[in-house]
Amino acid sequence: KQLEKQSNTDNSTEIFIETPYRNKWVIRDVLENCRPGT
């Protein structure tokens, strides 16, 4: 949520990585918690 807000405020792309075995959790959390237009 902080990265999404920062992206909106700064008009920036926020990049991050994750260990491969946690990919599905990160994807789920982004899709469940970011705004539809992000």
PDB file of all heavy atoms in Angstrom:
ATOM      1  N   LYS A   1       0.834  -1.209   0.000  1.00  0.00           N
ATOM      2  CA  LYS A   1       0.000   0.000   0.000  1.00  0.00           C
ATOM      3  C   LYS A   1       0.865   1.254   0.000  1.00  0.00           C
ATOM      4  O   LYS A   1       0.543   2.244  -0.663  1.00  0.00           O
ATOM      5  CB  LYS A   1      -0.942  -0.012   1.202  1.00  0.00           C
ATOM      6  CG  LYS A   1      -2.044  -1.047   1.069  1.00  0.00           C
ATOM      7  CD  LYS A   1      -2.935  -1.052   2.294  1.00  0.00           C
ATOM      8  CE  LYS A   1      -4.042  -2.085   2.171  1.00  0.00           C
ATOM      9  NZ  LYS A   1      -4.924  -2.081   3.338  1.00  0.00           N
ATOM     10  N   GLN A   2       1.963   1.209   0.747  1.00  0.00           N
ATOM     11  CA  GLN A   2       2.894   2.341   0.784  1.00  0.00           C
ATOM     12  C   GLN A   2       3.524   2.556  -0.596  1.00  0.00           C
ATOM     13  O   GLN A   2       3.633   3.698  -1.057  1.00  0.00           O
ATOM     14  CB  GLN A   2       3.985   2.081   1.822  1.00  0.00           C
ATOM     15  CG  GLN A   2       5.051   3.140   1.870  1.00  0.00           C
ATOM     16  CD  GLN A   2       6.233   2.719   2.733  1.00  0.00           C
ATOM     17  OE1 GLN A   2       6.187   1.742   3.465  1.00  0.00           O
ATOM     18  NE2 GLN A   2       7.314   3.458   2.626  1.00  0.00           N
ATOM     19  N   LEU A   3       3.913   1.477  -1.265  1.00  0.00           N
ATOM     20  CA  LEU A   3       4.504   1.592  -2.602  1.00  0.00           C
ATOM     21  C   LEU A   3       3.497   2.159  -3.601  1.00  0.00           C
ATOM     22  O   LEU A   3       3.845   2.996  -4.444  1.00  0.00           O
ATOM     23  CB  LEU A   3       5.016   0.234  -3.078  1.00  0.00           C
ATOM     24  CG  LEU A   3       6.184  -0.363  -2.312  1.00  0.00           C
ATOM     25  CD1 LEU A   3       6.516  -1.756  -2.840  1.00  0.00           C
ATOM     26  CD2 LEU A   3       7.400   0.547  -2.367  1.00  0.00           C
ATOM     27  N   GLU A   4       2.248   1.721  -3.514  1.00  0.00           N
ATOM     28  CA  GLU A   4       1.214   2.236  -4.401  1.00  0.00           C
ATOM     29  C   GLU A   4       1.015   3.737  -4.176  1.00  0.00           C
ATOM     30  O   GLU A   4       0.946   4.519  -5.131  1.00  0.00           O
ATOM     31  CB  GLU A   4      -0.091   1.482  -4.186  1.00  0.00           C
ATOM     32  CG  GLU A   4      -1.206   1.938  -5.107  1.00  0.00           C
ATOM     33  CD  GLU A   4      -2.517   1.235  -4.835  1.00  0.00           C
ATOM     34  OE1 GLU A   4      -2.849   1.003  -3.645  1.00  0.00           O
ATOM     35  OE2 GLU A   4      -3.221   0.934  -5.803  1.00  0.00           O
ATOM     36  N   LYS A   5       0.961   4.139  -2.929  1.00  0.00           N
ATOM     37  CA  LYS A   5       0.792   5.559  -2.603  1.00  0.00           C
ATOM     38  C   LYS A   5       1.989   6.371  -3.096  1.00  0.00           C
ATOM     39  O   LYS A   5       1.827   7.452  -3.668  1.00  0.00           O
ATOM     40  CB  LYS A   5       0.613   5.733  -1.092  1.00  0.00           C
ATOM     41  CG  LYS A   5       0.381   7.165  -0.681  1.00  0.00           C
ATOM     42  CD  LYS A   5       0.155   7.285   0.808  1.00  0.00           C
ATOM     43  CE  LYS A   5      -0.055   8.738   1.186  1.00  0.00           C
ATOM     44  NZ  LYS A   5      -0.243   8.900   2.628  1.00  0.00           N
ATOM     45  N   GLN A   6       3.191   5.837  -2.886  1.00  0.00           N
ATOM     46  CA  GLN A   6       4.412   6.524  -3.330  1.00  0.00           C
ATOM     47  C   GLN A   6       4.419   6.675  -4.847  1.00  0.00           C
ATOM     48  O   GLN A   6       4.786   7.720  -5.373  1.00  0.00           O
ATOM     49  CB  GLN A   6       5.650   5.746  -2.874  1.00  0.00           C
ATOM     50  CG  GLN A   6       6.942   6.501  -3.042  1.00  0.00           C
ATOM     51  CD  GLN A   6       7.052   7.654  -2.073  1.00  0.00           C
ATOM     52  OE1 GLN A   6       6.714   7.527  -0.900  1.00  0.00           O
ATOM     53  NE2 GLN A   6       7.509   8.790  -2.549  1.00  0.00           N
ATOM     54  N   SER A   7       4.013   5.639  -5.552  1.00  0.00           N
ATOM     55  CA  SER A   7       3.945   5.687  -7.006  1.00  0.00           C
ATOM     56  C   SER A   7       2.995   6.775  -7.472  1.00  0.00           C
ATOM     57  O   SER A   7       3.297   7.533  -8.395  1.00  0.00           O
ATOM     58  CB  SER A   7       3.495   4.325  -7.553  1.00  0.00           C
ATOM     59  OG  SER A   7       3.285   4.387  -8.935  1.00  0.00           O
ATOM     60  N   ASN A   8       1.852   6.869  -6.811  1.00  0.00           N
ATOM     61  CA  ASN A   8       0.870   7.882  -7.160  1.00  0.00           C
ATOM     62  C   ASN A   8       1.392   9.282  -6.869  1.00  0.00           C
ATOM     63  O   ASN A   8       1.279  10.183  -7.694  1.00  0.00           O
ATOM     64  CB  ASN A   8      -0.434   7.618  -6.415  1.00  0.00           C
ATOM     65  CG  ASN A   8      -1.511   8.595  -6.797  1.00  0.00           C
ATOM     66  OD1 ASN A   8      -1.766   9.548  -6.070  1.00  0.00           O
ATOM     67  ND2 ASN A   8      -2.123   8.384  -7.946  1.00  0.00           N
ATOM     68  N   THR A   9       2.000   9.465  -5.716  1.00  0.00           N
ATOM     69  CA  THR A   9       2.512  10.775  -5.309  1.00  0.00           C
ATOM     70  C   THR A   9       3.647  11.249  -6.207  1.00  0.00           C
ATOM     71  O   THR A   9       3.682  12.403  -6.633  1.00  0.00           O
ATOM     72  CB  THR A   9       3.004  10.729  -3.847  1.00  0.00           C
ATOM     73  OG1 THR A   9       1.914  10.349  -3.009  1.00  0.00           O
ATOM     74  CG2 THR A   9       3.561  12.061  -3.395  1.00  0.00           C
ATOM     75  N   ASP A  10       4.588  10.346  -6.500  1.00  0.00           N
ATOM     76  CA  ASP A  10       5.789  10.707  -7.258  1.00  0.00           C
ATOM     77  C   ASP A  10       5.675  10.448  -8.758  1.00  0.00           C
ATOM     78  O   ASP A  10       6.620  10.720  -9.494  1.00  0.00           O
ATOM     79  CB  ASP A  10       6.997   9.935  -6.730  1.00  0.00           C
ATOM     80  CG  ASP A  10       7.350  10.300  -5.308  1.00  0.00           C
ATOM     81  OD1 ASP A  10       6.861  11.326  -4.793  1.00  0.00           O
ATOM     82  OD2 ASP A  10       8.133   9.547  -4.700  1.00  0.00           O
ATOM     83  N   ASN A  11       4.554   9.868  -9.199  1.00  0.00           N
ATOM     84  CA  ASN A  11       4.411   9.449 -10.593  1.00  0.00           C
ATOM     85  C   ASN A  11       5.585   8.546 -10.984  1.00  0.00           C
ATOM     86  O   ASN A  11       6.230   8.734 -12.005  1.00  0.00           O
ATOM     87  CB  ASN A  11       4.301  10.647 -11.533  1.00  0.00           C
ATOM     88  CG  ASN A  11       3.810  10.247 -12.902  1.00  0.00           C
ATOM     89  OD1 ASN A  11       2.988   9.355 -13.043  1.00  0.00           O
ATOM     90  ND2 ASN A  11       4.321  10.907 -13.933  1.00  0.00           N
ATOM     91  N   SER A  12       5.857   7.569 -10.131  1.00  0.00           N
ATOM     92  CA  SER A  12       7.006   6.688 -10.320  1.00  0.00           C
ATOM     93  C   SER A  12       6.574   5.231 -10.394  1.00  0.00           C
ATOM     94  O   SER A  12       5.480   4.875  -9.963  1.00  0.00           O
ATOM     95  CB  SER A  12       7.984   6.857  -9.148  1.00  0.00           C
ATOM     96  OG  SER A  12       7.357   6.458  -7.936  1.00  0.00           O
ATOM     97  N   THR A  13       7.441   4.416 -10.939  1.00  0.00           N
ATOM     98  CA  THR A  13       7.230   2.970 -10.939  1.00  0.00           C
ATOM     99  C   THR A  13       7.999   2.400  -9.764  1.00  0.00           C
ATOM    100  O   THR A  13       9.187   2.691  -9.591  1.00  0.00           O
ATOM    101  CB  THR A  13       7.730   2.336 -12.248  1.00  0.00           C
ATOM    102  OG1 THR A  13       7.009   2.919 -13.331  1.00  0.00           O
ATOM    103  CG2 THR A  13       7.526   0.835 -12.244  1.00  0.00           C
ATOM    104  N   GLU A  14       7.333   1.614  -8.954  1.00  0.00           N
ATOM    105  CA  GLU A  14       7.960   0.979  -7.793  1.00  0.00           C
ATOM    106  C   GLU A  14       8.269  -0.472  -8.147  1.00  0.00           C
ATOM    107  O   GLU A  14       7.387  -1.218  -8.568  1.00  0.00           O
ATOM    108  CB  GLU A  14       7.037   1.064  -6.576  1.00  0.00           C
ATOM    109  CG  GLU A  14       6.679   2.492  -6.175  1.00  0.00           C
ATOM    110  CD  GLU A  14       7.882   3.336  -5.797  1.00  0.00           C
ATOM    111  OE1 GLU A  14       8.807   2.814  -5.132  1.00  0.00           O
ATOM    112  OE2 GLU A  14       7.905   4.531  -6.164  1.00  0.00           O
ATOM    113  N   ILE A  15       9.527  -0.854  -7.999  1.00  0.00           N
ATOM    114  CA  ILE A  15      10.009  -2.175  -8.394  1.00  0.00           C
ATOM    115  C   ILE A  15      10.427  -2.939  -7.152  1.00  0.00           C
ATOM    116  O   ILE A  15      11.070  -2.385  -6.262  1.00  0.00           O
ATOM    117  CB  ILE A  15      11.216  -2.031  -9.340  1.00  0.00           C
ATOM    118  CG1 ILE A  15      10.835  -1.173 -10.548  1.00  0.00           C
ATOM    119  CG2 ILE A  15      11.750  -3.401  -9.767  1.00  0.00           C
ATOM    120  CD1 ILE A  15      12.026  -0.721 -11.366  1.00  0.00           C
ATOM    121  N   PHE A  16      10.079  -4.231  -7.115  1.00  0.00           N
ATOM    122  CA  PHE A  16      10.535  -5.068  -6.003  1.00  0.00           C
ATOM    123  C   PHE A  16      10.701  -6.499  -6.485  1.00  0.00           C
ATOM    124  O   PHE A  16      10.252  -6.862  -7.579  1.00  0.00           O
ATOM    125  CB  PHE A  16       9.592  -4.977  -4.793  1.00  0.00           C
ATOM    126  CG  PHE A  16       8.154  -5.298  -5.085  1.00  0.00           C
ATOM    127  CD1 PHE A  16       7.664  -6.575  -4.907  1.00  0.00           C
ATOM    128  CD2 PHE A  16       7.290  -4.309  -5.521  1.00  0.00           C
ATOM    129  CE1 PHE A  16       6.334  -6.869  -5.167  1.00  0.00           C
ATOM    130  CE2 PHE A  16       5.960  -4.587  -5.777  1.00  0.00           C
ATOM    131  CZ  PHE A  16       5.479  -5.869  -5.594  1.00  0.00           C
ATOM    132  N   ILE A  17      11.393  -7.279  -5.677  1.00  0.00           N
ATOM    133  CA  ILE A  17      11.634  -8.682  -5.988  1.00  0.00           C
ATOM    134  C   ILE A  17      11.165  -9.530  -4.812  1.00  0.00           C
ATOM    135  O   ILE A  17      10.862  -9.003  -3.733  1.00  0.00           O
ATOM    136  CB  ILE A  17      13.126  -8.959  -6.274  1.00  0.00           C
ATOM    137  CG1 ILE A  17      14.011  -8.529  -5.096  1.00  0.00           C
ATOM    138  CG2 ILE A  17      13.558  -8.270  -7.558  1.00  0.00           C
ATOM    139  CD1 ILE A  17      15.483  -8.835  -5.266  1.00  0.00           C
ATOM    140  N   GLU A  18      11.113 -10.817  -5.038  1.00  0.00           N
ATOM    141  CA  GLU A  18      10.721 -11.736  -3.974  1.00  0.00           C
ATOM    142  C   GLU A  18      11.390 -13.066  -4.231  1.00  0.00           C
ATOM    143  O   GLU A  18      11.784 -13.365  -5.358  1.00  0.00           O
ATOM    144  CB  GLU A  18       9.197 -11.877  -3.944  1.00  0.00           C
ATOM    145  CG  GLU A  18       8.660 -12.627  -2.752  1.00  0.00           C
ATOM    146  CD  GLU A  18       9.195 -12.122  -1.433  1.00  0.00           C
ATOM    147  OE1 GLU A  18       8.680 -11.128  -0.906  1.00  0.00           O
ATOM    148  OE2 GLU A  18      10.153 -12.741  -0.917  1.00  0.00           O
ATOM    149  N   THR A  19      11.534 -13.853  -3.188  1.00  0.00           N
ATOM    150  CA  THR A  19      12.051 -15.201  -3.383  1.00  0.00           C
ATOM    151  C   THR A  19      10.992 -15.980  -4.160  1.00  0.00           C
ATOM    152  O   THR A  19       9.794 -15.799  -3.945  1.00  0.00           O
ATOM    153  CB  THR A  19      12.354 -15.889  -2.041  1.00  0.00           C
ATOM    154  OG1 THR A  19      11.159 -15.942  -1.269  1.00  0.00           O
ATOM    155  CG2 THR A  19      13.418 -15.151  -1.273  1.00  0.00           C
ATOM    156  N   PRO A  20      11.413 -16.830  -5.091  1.00  0.00           N
ATOM    157  CA  PRO A  20      10.449 -17.501  -5.971  1.00  0.00           C
ATOM    158  C   PRO A  20       9.323 -18.235  -5.250  1.00  0.00           C
ATOM    159  O   PRO A  20       8.181 -18.193  -5.711  1.00  0.00           O
ATOM    160  CB  PRO A  20      11.325 -18.465  -6.773  1.00  0.00           C
ATOM    161  CG  PRO A  20      12.643 -17.771  -6.839  1.00  0.00           C
ATOM    162  CD  PRO A  20      12.795 -17.123  -5.479  1.00  0.00           C
ATOM    163  N   TYR A  21       9.602 -18.858  -4.138  1.00  0.00           N
ATOM    164  CA  TYR A  21       8.542 -19.631  -3.474  1.00  0.00           C
ATOM    165  C   TYR A  21       7.487 -18.749  -2.824  1.00  0.00           C
ATOM    166  O   TYR A  21       6.436 -19.247  -2.411  1.00  0.00           O
ATOM    167  CB  TYR A  21       9.120 -20.631  -2.466  1.00  0.00           C
ATOM    168  CG  TYR A  21       9.849 -20.021  -1.292  1.00  0.00           C
ATOM    169  CD1 TYR A  21       9.171 -19.720  -0.119  1.00  0.00           C
ATOM    170  CD2 TYR A  21      11.207 -19.750  -1.356  1.00  0.00           C
ATOM    171  CE1 TYR A  21       9.830 -19.160   0.964  1.00  0.00           C
ATOM    172  CE2 TYR A  21      11.878 -19.196  -0.269  1.00  0.00           C
ATOM    173  CZ  TYR A  21      11.186 -18.902   0.877  1.00  0.00           C
ATOM    174  OH  TYR A  21      11.842 -18.342   1.943  1.00  0.00           O
ATOM    175  N   ARG A  22       7.709 -17.429  -2.739  1.00  0.00           N
ATOM    176  CA  ARG A  22       6.698 -16.513  -2.196  1.00  0.00           C
ATOM    177  C   ARG A  22       5.991 -15.711  -3.277  1.00  0.00           C
ATOM    178  O   ARG A  22       5.162 -14.852  -2.972  1.00  0.00           O
ATOM    179  CB  ARG A  22       7.339 -15.574  -1.172  1.00  0.00           C
ATOM    180  CG  ARG A  22       7.613 -16.236   0.153  1.00  0.00           C
ATOM    181  CD  ARG A  22       7.767 -15.220   1.278  1.00  0.00           C
ATOM    182  NE  ARG A  22       8.945 -14.395   1.122  1.00  0.00           N
ATOM    183  CZ  ARG A  22      10.082 -14.546   1.805  1.00  0.00           C
ATOM    184  NH1 ARG A  22      10.192 -15.509   2.694  1.00  0.00           N
ATOM    185  NH2 ARG A  22      11.105 -13.751   1.601  1.00  0.00           N
ATOM    186  N   ASN A  23       6.292 -15.972  -4.549  1.00  0.00           N
ATOM    187  CA  ASN A  23       5.671 -15.203  -5.640  1.00  0.00           C
ATOM    188  C   ASN A  23       4.151 -15.180  -5.545  1.00  0.00           C
ATOM    189  O   ASN A  23       3.530 -14.134  -5.685  1.00  0.00           O
ATOM    190  CB  ASN A  23       6.069 -15.775  -7.007  1.00  0.00           C
ATOM    191  CG  ASN A  23       7.492 -15.452  -7.391  1.00  0.00           C
ATOM    192  OD1 ASN A  23       8.131 -14.590  -6.803  1.00  0.00           O
ATOM    193  ND2 ASN A  23       7.993 -16.152  -8.391  1.00  0.00           N
ATOM    194  N   LYS A  24       3.547 -16.346  -5.344  1.00  0.00           N
ATOM    195  CA  LYS A  24       2.077 -16.397  -5.350  1.00  0.00           C
ATOM    196  C   LYS A  24       1.468 -15.558  -4.239  1.00  0.00           C
ATOM    197  O   LYS A  24       0.408 -14.968  -4.405  1.00  0.00           O
ATOM    198  CB  LYS A  24       1.578 -17.839  -5.272  1.00  0.00           C
ATOM    199  CG  LYS A  24       1.932 -18.568  -4.012  1.00  0.00           C
ATOM    200  CD  LYS A  24       1.458 -20.006  -4.063  1.00  0.00           C
ATOM    201  CE  LYS A  24       1.954 -20.775  -2.851  1.00  0.00           C
ATOM    202  NZ  LYS A  24       1.590 -22.175  -2.916  1.00  0.00           N
ATOM    203  N   TRP A  25       2.151 -15.449  -3.104  1.00  0.00           N
ATOM    204  CA  TRP A  25       1.628 -14.650  -1.989  1.00  0.00           C
ATOM    205  C   TRP A  25       1.736 -13.167  -2.297  1.00  0.00           C
ATOM    206  O   TRP A  25       0.820 -12.399  -1.988  1.00  0.00           O
ATOM    207  CB  TRP A  25       2.342 -14.988  -0.687  1.00  0.00           C
ATOM    208  CG  TRP A  25       2.305 -16.456  -0.394  1.00  0.00           C
ATOM    209  CD1 TRP A  25       3.373 -17.299  -0.280  1.00  0.00           C
ATOM    210  CD2 TRP A  25       1.147 -17.275  -0.196  1.00  0.00           C
ATOM    211  NE1 TRP A  25       2.940 -18.584  -0.037  1.00  0.00           N
ATOM    212  CE2 TRP A  25       1.584 -18.601   0.018  1.00  0.00           C
ATOM    213  CE3 TRP A  25      -0.217 -17.022  -0.203  1.00  0.00           C
ATOM    214  CZ2 TRP A  25       0.706 -19.651   0.234  1.00  0.00           C
ATOM    215  CZ3 TRP A  25      -1.090 -18.076   0.009  1.00  0.00           C
ATOM    216  CH2 TRP A  25      -0.625 -19.372   0.229  1.00  0.00           C
ATOM    217  N   VAL A  26       2.829 -12.761  -2.905  1.00  0.00           N
ATOM    218  CA  VAL A  26       3.006 -11.355  -3.274  1.00  0.00           C
ATOM    219  C   VAL A  26       1.966 -10.954  -4.319  1.00  0.00           C
ATOM    220  O   VAL A  26       1.324  -9.910  -4.206  1.00  0.00           O
ATOM    221  CB  VAL A  26       4.435 -11.095  -3.798  1.00  0.00           C
ATOM    222  CG1 VAL A  26       4.543  -9.739  -4.456  1.00  0.00           C
ATOM    223  CG2 VAL A  26       5.437 -11.209  -2.662  1.00  0.00           C
ATOM    224  N   ILE A  27       1.781 -11.803  -5.321  1.00  0.00           N
ATOM    225  CA  ILE A  27       0.794 -11.507  -6.366  1.00  0.00           C
ATOM    226  C   ILE A  27      -0.596 -11.387  -5.748  1.00  0.00           C
ATOM    227  O   ILE A  27      -1.332 -10.433  -6.026  1.00  0.00           O
ATOM    228  CB  ILE A  27       0.841 -12.580  -7.468  1.00  0.00           C
ATOM    229  CG1 ILE A  27       2.180 -12.495  -8.211  1.00  0.00           C
ATOM    230  CG2 ILE A  27      -0.341 -12.431  -8.425  1.00  0.00           C
ATOM    231  CD1 ILE A  27       2.484 -13.680  -9.095  1.00  0.00           C
ATOM    232  N   ARG A  28      -0.947 -12.323  -4.907  1.00  0.00           N
ATOM    233  CA  ARG A  28      -2.255 -12.287  -4.246  1.00  0.00           C
ATOM    234  C   ARG A  28      -2.413 -10.996  -3.446  1.00  0.00           C
ATOM    235  O   ARG A  28      -3.437 -10.318  -3.533  1.00  0.00           O
ATOM    236  CB  ARG A  28      -2.406 -13.492  -3.311  1.00  0.00           C
ATOM    237  CG  ARG A  28      -3.724 -13.483  -2.543  1.00  0.00           C
ATOM    238  CD  ARG A  28      -3.655 -14.251  -1.254  1.00  0.00           C
ATOM    239  NE  ARG A  28      -2.658 -13.639  -0.377  1.00  0.00           N
ATOM    240  CZ  ARG A  28      -2.040 -14.263   0.618  1.00  0.00           C
ATOM    241  NH1 ARG A  28      -2.287 -15.527   0.852  1.00  0.00           N
ATOM    242  NH2 ARG A  28      -1.161 -13.644   1.379  1.00  0.00           N
ATOM    243  N   ASP A  29      -1.395 -10.628  -2.681  1.00  0.00           N
ATOM    244  CA  ASP A  29      -1.498  -9.433  -1.835  1.00  0.00           C
ATOM    245  C   ASP A  29      -1.625  -8.158  -2.656  1.00  0.00           C
ATOM    246  O   ASP A  29      -2.367  -7.247  -2.280  1.00  0.00           O
ATOM    247  CB  ASP A  29      -0.303  -9.352  -0.884  1.00  0.00           C
ATOM    248  CG  ASP A  29      -0.331 -10.436   0.179  1.00  0.00           C
ATOM    249  OD1 ASP A  29      -1.398 -11.055   0.398  1.00  0.00           O
ATOM    250  OD2 ASP A  29       0.731 -10.679   0.797  1.00  0.00           O
ATOM    251  N   VAL A  30      -0.908  -8.070  -3.770  1.00  0.00           N
ATOM    252  CA  VAL A  30      -1.044  -6.893  -4.637  1.00  0.00           C
ATOM    253  C   VAL A  30      -2.453  -6.839  -5.215  1.00  0.00           C
ATOM    254  O   VAL A  30      -3.121  -5.805  -5.158  1.00  0.00           O
ATOM    255  CB  VAL A  30       0.016  -6.895  -5.762  1.00  0.00           C
ATOM    256  CG1 VAL A  30      -0.303  -5.829  -6.808  1.00  0.00           C
ATOM    257  CG2 VAL A  30       1.412  -6.669  -5.187  1.00  0.00           C
ATOM    258  N   LEU A  31      -2.923  -7.948  -5.757  1.00  0.00           N
ATOM    259  CA  LEU A  31      -4.243  -7.956  -6.397  1.00  0.00           C
ATOM    260  C   LEU A  31      -5.376  -7.716  -5.414  1.00  0.00           C
ATOM    261  O   LEU A  31      -6.400  -7.134  -5.778  1.00  0.00           O
ATOM    262  CB  LEU A  31      -4.458  -9.262  -7.155  1.00  0.00           C
ATOM    263  CG  LEU A  31      -3.514  -9.499  -8.335  1.00  0.00           C
ATOM    264  CD1 LEU A  31      -3.820 -10.832  -9.003  1.00  0.00           C
ATOM    265  CD2 LEU A  31      -3.552  -8.360  -9.332  1.00  0.00           C
ATOM    266  N   GLU A  32      -5.205  -8.119  -4.171  1.00  0.00           N
ATOM    267  CA  GLU A  32      -6.256  -7.924  -3.169  1.00  0.00           C
ATOM    268  C   GLU A  32      -6.207  -6.562  -2.494  1.00  0.00           C
ATOM    269  O   GLU A  32      -7.188  -6.149  -1.884  1.00  0.00           O
ATOM    270  CB  GLU A  32      -6.167  -9.013  -2.104  1.00  0.00           C
ATOM    271  CG  GLU A  32      -6.584 -10.385  -2.609  1.00  0.00           C
ATOM    272  CD  GLU A  32      -6.451 -11.475  -1.559  1.00  0.00           C
ATOM    273  OE1 GLU A  32      -6.029 -11.183  -0.408  1.00  0.00           O
ATOM    274  OE2 GLU A  32      -6.755 -12.630  -1.885  1.00  0.00           O
ATOM    275  N   ASN A  33      -5.082  -5.852  -2.585  1.00  0.00           N
ATOM    276  CA  ASN A  33      -4.935  -4.639  -1.786  1.00  0.00           C
ATOM    277  C   ASN A  33      -4.654  -3.365  -2.570  1.00  0.00           C
ATOM    278  O   ASN A  33      -4.683  -2.287  -1.991  1.00  0.00           O
ATOM    279  CB  ASN A  33      -3.835  -4.847  -0.746  1.00  0.00           C
ATOM    280  CG  ASN A  33      -4.250  -5.860   0.286  1.00  0.00           C
ATOM    281  OD1 ASN A  33      -5.040  -5.557   1.171  1.00  0.00           O
ATOM    282  ND2 ASN A  33      -3.763  -7.090   0.151  1.00  0.00           N
ATOM    283  N   CYS A  34      -4.398  -3.455  -3.859  1.00  0.00           N
ATOM    284  CA  CYS A  34      -4.171  -2.251  -4.656  1.00  0.00           C
ATOM    285  C   CYS A  34      -5.462  -1.846  -5.360  1.00  0.00           C
ATOM    286  O   CYS A  34      -6.367  -2.653  -5.546  1.00  0.00           O
ATOM    287  CB  CYS A  34      -3.071  -2.500  -5.690  1.00  0.00           C
ATOM    288  SG  CYS A  34      -1.417  -2.549  -4.961  1.00  0.00           S
ATOM    289  N   ARG A  35      -5.522  -0.592  -5.745  1.00  0.00           N
ATOM    290  CA  ARG A  35      -6.693  -0.044  -6.439  1.00  0.00           C
ATOM    291  C   ARG A  35      -6.832  -0.687  -7.809  1.00  0.00           C
ATOM    292  O   ARG A  35      -5.835  -1.052  -8.440  1.00  0.00           O
ATOM    293  CB  ARG A  35      -6.541   1.459  -6.581  1.00  0.00           C
ATOM    294  CG  ARG A  35      -6.531   2.176  -5.262  1.00  0.00           C
ATOM    295  CD  ARG A  35      -6.282   3.640  -5.474  1.00  0.00           C
ATOM    296  NE  ARG A  35      -6.218   4.318  -4.187  1.00  0.00           N
ATOM    297  CZ  ARG A  35      -5.975   5.597  -4.053  1.00  0.00           C
ATOM    298  NH1 ARG A  35      -5.750   6.348  -5.123  1.00  0.00           N
ATOM    299  NH2 ARG A  35      -5.943   6.147  -2.861  1.00  0.00           N
ATOM    300  N   PRO A  36      -8.055  -0.804  -8.308  1.00  0.00           N
ATOM    301  CA  PRO A  36      -8.298  -1.466  -9.594  1.00  0.00           C
ATOM    302  C   PRO A  36      -7.516  -0.878 -10.768  1.00  0.00           C
ATOM    303  O   PRO A  36      -7.089  -1.601 -11.656  1.00  0.00           O
ATOM    304  CB  PRO A  36      -9.801  -1.300  -9.814  1.00  0.00           C
ATOM    305  CG  PRO A  36     -10.363  -1.105  -8.448  1.00  0.00           C
ATOM    306  CD  PRO A  36      -9.301  -0.399  -7.649  1.00  0.00           C
ATOM    307  N   GLY A  37      -7.298   0.432 -10.773  1.00  0.00           N
ATOM    308  CA  GLY A  37      -6.600   1.076 -11.892  1.00  0.00           C
ATOM    309  C   GLY A  37      -5.097   1.057 -11.810  1.00  0.00           C
ATOM    310  O   GLY A  37      -4.417   1.428 -12.770  1.00  0.00           O
ATOM    311  N   THR A  38      -4.557   0.640 -10.692  1.00  0.00           N
ATOM    312  CA  THR A  38      -3.104   0.564 -10.551  1.00  0.00           C
ATOM    313  C   THR A  38      -2.558  -0.466 -11.530  1.00  0.00           C
ATOM    314  O   THR A  38      -3.111  -1.543 -11.691  1.00  0.00           O
ATOM    315  CB  THR A  38      -2.727   0.197  -9.102  1.00  0.00           C
ATOM    316  OG1 THR A  38      -3.105   1.283  -8.249  1.00  0.00           O
ATOM    317  CG2 THR A  38      -1.242  -0.064  -8.945  1.00  0.00           C
TER     318      THR A  38
END
